[in-house]
Protein backbone atom coordinates (compact mmCIF):
# COMPACT_ATOMS: atom_id res chain seq x y z
CA UNK A 1 -34.16 74.30 11.18
CA UNK A 2 -32.19 72.27 8.64
CA UNK A 3 -29.62 71.33 11.27
CA UNK A 4 -32.35 70.08 13.62
CA UNK A 5 -33.93 68.04 10.83
CA UNK A 6 -30.56 66.49 9.92
CA UNK A 7 -29.81 65.68 13.55
CA UNK A 8 -33.20 64.00 13.96
CA UNK A 9 -32.62 61.92 10.83
CA UNK A 10 -29.26 60.75 12.16
CA UNK A 11 -30.75 59.85 15.54
CA UNK A 12 -33.53 57.88 13.85
CA UNK A 13 -31.03 55.96 11.73
CA UNK A 14 -28.97 55.06 14.80
CA UNK A 15 -32.10 53.92 16.67
CA UNK A 16 -33.23 51.74 13.78
CA UNK A 17 -29.78 50.17 13.44
CA UNK A 18 -29.64 49.45 17.17
CA UNK A 19 -33.11 47.94 17.25
CA UNK A 20 -32.59 45.59 14.33
CA UNK A 21 -29.16 44.32 15.28
CA UNK A 22 -29.39 40.95 16.97
CA UNK A 23 -28.48 41.44 20.67
CA UNK A 24 -26.41 38.25 20.81
CA UNK A 25 -24.37 38.70 17.66
CA UNK A 26 -21.52 41.21 17.35
CA UNK A 27 -22.31 44.04 14.97
CA UNK A 28 -19.50 42.98 12.59
CA UNK A 29 -21.22 39.64 12.05
CA UNK A 30 -24.37 41.34 10.83
CA UNK A 31 -22.70 43.53 8.26
CA UNK A 32 -23.01 42.56 4.60
CA UNK A 33 -19.26 42.18 4.11
CA UNK A 34 -17.36 39.47 5.94
CA UNK A 35 -13.64 38.69 5.63
CA UNK A 36 -12.41 35.49 4.01
CA UNK A 37 -11.05 33.42 6.89
CA UNK A 38 -9.31 30.12 6.13
CA UNK A 39 -6.76 29.65 8.94
CA UNK A 40 -6.86 26.80 11.45
CA UNK A 41 -7.67 29.16 14.29
CA UNK A 42 -9.89 31.49 12.27
CA UNK A 43 -7.35 34.21 11.46
CA UNK A 44 -4.11 32.37 12.37
CA UNK A 45 -2.72 28.90 11.77
CA UNK A 46 -0.55 29.01 14.90
CA UNK A 47 -0.22 31.26 17.95
CA UNK A 48 2.41 33.97 18.09
CA UNK A 49 5.33 33.91 20.52
CA UNK A 50 3.74 36.75 22.48
CA UNK A 51 0.24 36.88 23.94
CA UNK A 52 -2.28 38.55 21.67
CA UNK A 53 -6.03 39.07 21.54
CA UNK A 54 -7.60 36.01 19.92
CA UNK A 55 -9.34 36.65 16.59
CA UNK A 56 -9.73 40.33 17.40
CA UNK A 57 -12.96 41.81 16.11
CA UNK A 58 -14.24 38.36 15.13
CA UNK A 59 -14.40 36.30 18.31
CA UNK A 60 -12.92 38.82 20.73
CA UNK A 61 -15.24 41.77 20.29
CA UNK A 62 -16.43 44.68 22.40
CA UNK A 63 -18.58 42.41 24.58
CA UNK A 64 -18.45 42.82 28.33
CA UNK A 65 -16.91 39.37 28.80
CA UNK A 66 -15.99 36.33 26.69
CA UNK A 67 -15.47 32.69 27.53
CA UNK A 68 -12.58 30.70 26.13
CA UNK A 69 -13.35 29.42 22.61
CA UNK A 70 -14.02 25.68 22.29
CA UNK A 71 -12.87 24.07 19.03
CA UNK A 72 -14.31 20.74 17.94
CA UNK A 73 -11.69 17.99 17.49
CA UNK A 74 -12.14 18.08 13.70
CA UNK A 75 -11.46 21.83 13.72
CA UNK A 76 -14.64 22.68 11.82
CA UNK A 77 -16.65 24.28 14.63
CA UNK A 78 -15.78 26.79 17.32
CA UNK A 79 -18.16 27.83 20.11
CA UNK A 80 -17.74 30.58 22.66
CA UNK A 81 -19.82 32.57 25.12
CA UNK A 82 -20.27 36.31 25.14
CA UNK A 83 -21.66 38.49 27.92
CA UNK A 84 -23.12 41.90 27.24
CA UNK A 85 -24.38 44.21 29.95
CA UNK A 86 -28.08 43.92 30.76
CA UNK A 87 -28.52 40.94 28.41
CA UNK A 88 -28.33 37.17 28.94
CA UNK A 89 -25.00 35.65 27.93
CA UNK A 90 -25.24 33.66 24.72
CA UNK A 91 -23.24 30.93 22.99
CA UNK A 92 -22.06 31.81 19.49
CA UNK A 93 -20.62 29.46 16.90
CA UNK A 94 -18.67 29.62 13.68
CA UNK A 95 -18.46 26.72 11.25
CA UNK A 96 -15.89 25.97 8.61
CA UNK A 97 -17.08 24.68 5.24
CA UNK A 98 -15.20 24.40 1.96
CA UNK A 99 -12.12 25.67 3.81
CA UNK A 100 -13.73 28.95 4.89
CA UNK A 101 -15.12 30.12 8.23
CA UNK A 102 -18.69 31.44 8.12
CA UNK A 103 -19.84 34.41 10.19
CA UNK A 104 -20.88 33.76 13.78
CA UNK A 105 -24.43 33.09 14.91
CA UNK A 106 -26.12 31.92 18.12
CA UNK A 107 -26.21 28.15 18.54
CA UNK A 108 -29.59 26.68 17.61
CA UNK A 109 -30.22 25.50 21.18
CA UNK A 110 -29.61 28.94 22.68
CA UNK A 111 -31.92 29.74 25.60
CA UNK A 112 -32.05 33.42 24.52
CA UNK A 113 -33.66 34.49 27.82
CA UNK A 114 -31.24 32.68 30.18
CA UNK A 115 -27.46 32.73 30.49
CA UNK A 116 -25.48 30.12 28.52
CA UNK A 117 -21.70 30.03 29.02
CA UNK A 118 -18.49 27.94 29.25
CA UNK A 119 -18.68 25.61 26.19
CA UNK A 120 -16.37 22.58 26.08
CA UNK A 121 -16.31 19.69 23.59
CA UNK A 122 -15.83 16.10 24.63
CA UNK A 123 -12.60 14.52 23.36
CA UNK A 124 -14.46 12.60 20.63
CA UNK A 125 -16.40 15.70 19.56
CA UNK A 126 -19.76 13.98 19.99
CA UNK A 127 -20.94 16.18 22.85
CA UNK A 128 -20.72 19.81 23.93
CA UNK A 129 -20.90 20.62 27.63
CA UNK A 130 -21.90 24.09 28.79
CA UNK A 131 -23.19 25.97 31.80
CA UNK A 132 -26.67 27.49 31.82
CA UNK A 133 -29.18 29.25 34.03
CA UNK A 134 -32.09 28.08 31.87
CA UNK A 135 -35.00 26.35 33.62
CA UNK A 136 -34.84 22.58 33.92
CA UNK A 137 -37.08 20.41 31.72
CA UNK A 138 -40.62 20.93 32.95
CA UNK A 139 -39.99 24.58 33.74
CA UNK A 140 -38.34 24.21 37.16
CA UNK A 141 -36.25 27.29 37.88
CA UNK A 142 -32.62 26.91 38.98
CA UNK A 143 -30.80 28.80 41.73
CA UNK A 144 -27.68 29.38 39.63
CA UNK A 145 -25.67 28.05 36.71
CA UNK A 146 -25.77 24.27 36.16
CA UNK A 147 -24.03 21.87 33.81
CA UNK A 148 -25.78 20.86 30.59
CA UNK A 149 -24.80 18.68 27.63
CA UNK A 150 -25.95 18.55 24.02
CA UNK A 151 -25.17 15.83 21.50
CA UNK A 152 -23.58 16.67 18.16
CA UNK A 153 -25.48 15.11 15.25
CA UNK A 154 -24.86 14.91 11.52
CA UNK A 155 -27.40 17.69 10.99
CA UNK A 156 -26.24 19.92 13.84
CA UNK A 157 -27.16 20.15 17.52
CA UNK A 158 -29.54 17.86 19.37
CA UNK A 159 -31.76 18.93 22.27
CA UNK A 160 -29.65 19.84 25.35
CA UNK A 161 -30.22 18.16 28.70
CA UNK A 162 -29.03 18.95 32.22
CA UNK A 163 -26.61 16.63 33.95
CA UNK A 164 -28.06 14.50 36.73
CA UNK A 165 -28.41 16.33 40.03
CA UNK A 166 -25.94 13.92 41.63
CA UNK A 167 -23.24 15.60 39.54
CA UNK A 168 -24.63 19.09 39.01
CA UNK A 169 -26.37 20.79 41.90
CA UNK A 170 -25.87 24.40 40.87
CA UNK A 171 -23.14 27.01 41.16
CA UNK A 172 -20.80 25.10 38.81
CA UNK A 173 -18.38 27.05 36.68
CA UNK A 174 -15.39 26.68 34.32
CA UNK A 175 -15.64 22.98 33.55
CA UNK A 176 -13.32 20.88 31.40
CA UNK A 177 -13.46 17.28 30.19
CA UNK A 178 -10.61 14.77 30.18
CA UNK A 179 -10.02 12.25 27.40
CA UNK A 180 -11.78 9.50 29.37
CA UNK A 181 -14.82 11.72 29.92
CA UNK A 182 -14.21 12.84 33.50
CA UNK A 183 -15.60 16.30 34.22
CA UNK A 184 -13.64 18.83 36.26
CA UNK A 185 -15.28 22.04 37.45
CA UNK A 186 -15.26 24.66 40.15
CA UNK A 187 -18.32 24.90 42.40
CA UNK A 188 -19.52 26.97 45.29
CA UNK A 189 -20.85 25.35 48.42
CA UNK A 190 -21.97 27.00 51.63
CA UNK A 191 -20.29 25.74 54.79
CA UNK A 192 -21.01 27.29 58.18
CA UNK A 193 -23.01 29.99 56.40
CA UNK A 194 -19.97 30.99 54.34
CA UNK A 195 -19.52 30.36 50.60
CA UNK A 196 -16.56 28.17 49.76
CA UNK A 197 -15.13 27.49 46.31
CA UNK A 198 -13.39 24.28 45.40
CA UNK A 199 -12.51 22.09 42.40
CA UNK A 200 -14.52 18.91 41.89
CA UNK A 201 -14.60 16.02 39.45
CA UNK A 202 -17.43 13.83 38.23
CA UNK A 203 -16.81 10.46 36.62
CA UNK A 204 -19.17 8.80 34.17
CA UNK A 205 -20.39 5.33 35.10
CA UNK A 206 -22.73 3.40 32.85
CA UNK A 207 -23.31 6.54 30.84
CA UNK A 208 -24.30 8.65 33.87
CA UNK A 209 -22.16 11.21 35.70
CA UNK A 210 -21.82 10.50 39.40
């Protein structure tokens, strides 16, 4: 009888812990204790000579999949995407203040119910580009991941907006931005009823991507 009661108490504790943990934040980030991190790249000032897991247990966690981390040019913000099974992918961020990195949290513009992934800062750090399956403004659903952009303000993140449909039509992945603002990304297009992947670029003219 006592063993059954103890087992039930343990199961209840596990259930409560699981329910109250935020689904988009690694469990370590929700613990009371958090390590003091002051290095340029969170836990290291420079990469090692051999490949190693990046910021293990901090950025690289037990998630199903991670995107590459995107550091702002001033080195005070890092954003990355994390995918967990049966949950929408979410963008997490860490910010550095007074020389110390704070624990990760979802970006304020997170869709929560739709996938957000592939963050990349512009060269001047004034914008963050990312891919998302969130509905378009007005509630229009999308057929797959599209390119979005959000401005960086003095108080944090602005309201994100999708790129014009002339540049982003859906099925765009793994984008990067050159110093002059040109976007490069892979995209899937159907030709002769067969999907075909290729690399595309989109140049900005008069403030609009073409």
